[in-house]
Amino acid sequence: MRKPFILRLLLFLLRIGFGLFFLTVGLLKITQLSETADFITRSRLLPQTFSLPLACIGVGMELVVGVCLLFRLAYRGATLWGSVMTATFLFLYVQGWIRGLDLTCNCLGSPHSIVNYPTDTGLRVLLLGAMGILLWDSRQPDSGLWKFRKFDFSEEV
């Protein structure tokens, strides 16, 4: 059964929105890569030597996921990795809140101190839920706004 047009349109807008979000955040974090590495260091989960390589990998993944979501390339993989990244940042926020750490986030390209953990954590839960919706959509056989036909021009002998 095919999804109604309005649902397909909303899923399309959600996919484009998340694609722009990941791409914009990734591009902003490239200019301040040391701030992202400092956030990983301040979370006190891994030694400081892992912070910069993990920051580089994270920013690279944000860029790849953003491009893939925008252009619907490897849609299932992009939604899976986007969900994993969102869940990872949610984990970092929750463990920082539980441990009473004073974290400063470089989430949108500018560092800001996290003063209201419940609000920031709730925002990350909403983002994870929205990524979950896209992950669900990527598993559906008729995912997408438009249905494309596959033409077979092979010659049969």
Protein backbone atom coordinates (compact mmCIF):
# COMPACT_ATOMS: atom_id res chain seq x y z
CA MET A 1 0.00 0.00 0.00
CA ARG A 2 1.32 3.38 -0.97
CA LYS A 3 1.60 6.17 1.60
CA PRO A 4 -0.61 9.24 1.18
CA PHE A 5 0.94 12.18 -0.63
CA ILE A 6 0.94 14.42 2.46
CA LEU A 7 2.91 11.83 4.46
CA ARG A 8 5.41 11.42 1.63
CA LEU A 9 5.74 15.21 1.42
CA LEU A 10 6.34 15.54 5.18
CA LEU A 11 8.95 12.76 5.10
CA PHE A 12 10.61 14.49 2.12
CA LEU A 13 10.76 17.79 4.03
CA LEU A 14 12.10 16.04 7.13
CA ARG A 15 14.83 14.36 5.05
CA ILE A 16 15.82 17.64 3.38
CA GLY A 17 15.76 19.43 6.73
CA PHE A 18 18.02 16.89 8.37
CA GLY A 19 20.30 16.88 5.34
CA LEU A 20 20.70 20.65 5.57
CA PHE A 21 21.12 20.42 9.35
CA PHE A 22 23.93 17.84 9.21
CA LEU A 23 25.63 19.60 6.30
CA THR A 24 25.48 23.05 7.93
CA VAL A 25 26.64 21.80 11.33
CA GLY A 26 29.47 19.83 9.73
CA LEU A 27 30.66 22.85 7.73
CA LEU A 28 30.52 25.10 10.79
CA LYS A 29 32.43 22.58 12.90
CA ILE A 30 35.23 22.34 10.33
CA THR A 31 36.24 25.92 11.11
CA GLN A 32 36.35 25.19 14.86
CA LEU A 33 37.52 21.59 15.00
CA SER A 34 39.45 22.17 18.22
CA GLU A 35 36.21 23.13 20.02
CA THR A 36 34.63 19.82 19.02
CA ALA A 37 37.72 17.96 20.22
CA ASP A 38 37.58 19.89 23.51
CA PHE A 39 33.93 18.83 23.97
CA ILE A 40 34.98 15.18 23.61
CA THR A 41 37.84 15.76 26.08
CA ARG A 42 35.55 17.46 28.62
CA SER A 43 33.13 14.53 28.54
CA ARG A 44 35.92 12.49 30.22
CA LEU A 45 35.08 9.21 28.53
CA LEU A 46 38.26 8.69 26.53
CA PRO A 47 41.87 9.89 26.81
CA GLN A 48 42.64 13.27 25.30
CA THR A 49 44.68 11.71 22.48
CA PHE A 50 41.47 10.32 20.96
CA SER A 51 39.63 13.66 20.92
CA LEU A 52 40.95 15.21 17.71
CA PRO A 53 40.72 12.03 15.58
CA LEU A 54 37.17 11.40 16.84
CA ALA A 55 36.23 15.01 16.14
CA CYS A 56 37.55 14.68 12.56
CA ILE A 57 35.65 11.43 12.04
CA GLY A 58 32.48 12.91 13.52
CA VAL A 59 32.60 16.03 11.35
CA GLY A 60 33.33 13.93 8.27
CA MET A 61 30.37 11.69 9.06
CA GLU A 62 28.10 14.71 9.51
CA LEU A 63 29.10 16.01 6.08
CA VAL A 64 28.61 12.64 4.39
CA VAL A 65 25.25 12.01 6.08
CA GLY A 66 24.10 15.53 5.18
CA VAL A 67 24.96 15.12 1.50
CA CYS A 68 23.46 11.62 1.38
CA LEU A 69 20.20 12.77 2.94
CA LEU A 70 19.95 15.81 0.66
CA PHE A 71 20.46 13.83 -2.52
CA ARG A 72 18.92 10.56 -1.31
CA LEU A 73 22.15 8.64 -1.81
CA ALA A 74 22.50 5.48 0.29
CA TYR A 75 19.36 6.55 2.14
CA ARG A 76 19.24 3.57 4.50
CA GLY A 77 22.87 3.91 5.49
CA ALA A 78 22.61 7.69 5.92
CA THR A 79 19.60 7.41 8.20
CA LEU A 80 21.30 4.67 10.20
CA TRP A 81 24.49 6.69 10.66
CA GLY A 82 22.50 9.85 11.41
CA SER A 83 20.62 7.94 14.11
CA VAL A 84 23.87 6.56 15.54
CA MET A 85 25.44 10.03 15.65
CA THR A 86 22.36 11.57 17.26
CA ALA A 87 22.22 8.75 19.84
CA THR A 88 25.93 9.23 20.58
CA PHE A 89 25.49 12.93 21.27
CA LEU A 90 22.44 12.15 23.39
CA PHE A 91 24.58 9.70 25.38
CA LEU A 92 27.29 12.36 25.86
CA TYR A 93 24.71 14.84 27.16
CA VAL A 94 23.05 12.37 29.53
CA GLN A 95 26.29 11.07 31.00
CA GLY A 96 27.50 14.64 31.47
CA TRP A 97 24.26 15.53 33.22
CA ILE A 98 24.39 12.46 35.48
CA ARG A 99 28.04 13.02 36.37
CA GLY A 100 27.53 16.75 36.98
CA LEU A 101 30.06 17.83 34.37
CA ASP A 102 30.22 21.41 33.12
CA LEU A 103 30.09 20.82 29.37
CA THR A 104 30.37 23.42 26.65
CA CYS A 105 28.90 22.33 23.33
CA ASN A 106 29.99 23.39 19.86
CA CYS A 107 26.81 22.05 18.33
CA LEU A 108 25.92 24.76 15.85
CA GLY A 109 29.34 26.22 15.15
CA SER A 110 29.49 28.48 18.19
CA PRO A 111 30.45 27.22 21.64
CA HIS A 112 27.84 27.63 24.34
CA SER A 113 27.74 26.43 27.91
CA ILE A 114 25.05 23.90 28.72
CA VAL A 115 23.11 25.35 31.63
CA ASN A 116 19.82 23.52 31.23
CA TYR A 117 20.51 19.83 30.80
CA PRO A 118 16.84 18.74 30.75
CA THR A 119 16.04 21.07 27.83
CA ASP A 120 19.15 20.16 25.85
CA THR A 121 18.61 16.47 26.51
CA GLY A 122 14.94 16.73 25.51
CA LEU A 123 15.95 18.45 22.27
CA ARG A 124 18.37 15.60 21.51
CA VAL A 125 15.62 13.05 22.25
CA LEU A 126 13.32 14.83 19.77
CA LEU A 127 16.08 14.84 17.15
CA LEU A 128 16.67 11.14 17.75
CA GLY A 129 12.94 10.48 17.37
CA ALA A 130 12.86 12.37 14.08
CA MET A 131 15.88 10.41 12.85
CA GLY A 132 14.03 7.26 13.92
CA ILE A 133 11.13 8.29 11.68
CA LEU A 134 13.52 8.70 8.74
CA LEU A 135 15.12 5.35 9.58
CA TRP A 136 11.66 3.75 9.55
CA ASP A 137 10.92 5.44 6.22
CA SER A 138 14.14 4.15 4.69
CA ARG A 139 13.02 0.59 5.43
CA GLN A 140 9.69 0.99 3.61
CA PRO A 141 9.41 -0.35 0.05
CA ASP A 142 7.79 2.81 -1.30
CA SER A 143 9.93 5.34 0.57
CA GLY A 144 10.26 8.65 -1.20
CA LEU A 145 8.08 11.39 -2.63
CA TRP A 146 8.14 10.19 -6.19
CA LYS A 147 8.03 6.68 -7.54
CA PHE A 148 10.65 5.97 -10.18
CA ARG A 149 10.27 3.29 -12.81
CA LYS A 150 13.08 1.05 -13.78
CA PHE A 151 13.18 0.40 -17.50
CA ASP A 152 14.83 -2.72 -18.84
CA PHE A 153 16.45 -2.23 -22.24
CA SER A 154 18.35 -5.49 -22.31
CA GLU A 155 17.94 -7.64 -25.35
CA GLU A 156 16.68 -11.11 -24.82
CA VAL A 157 17.92 -13.76 -27.22
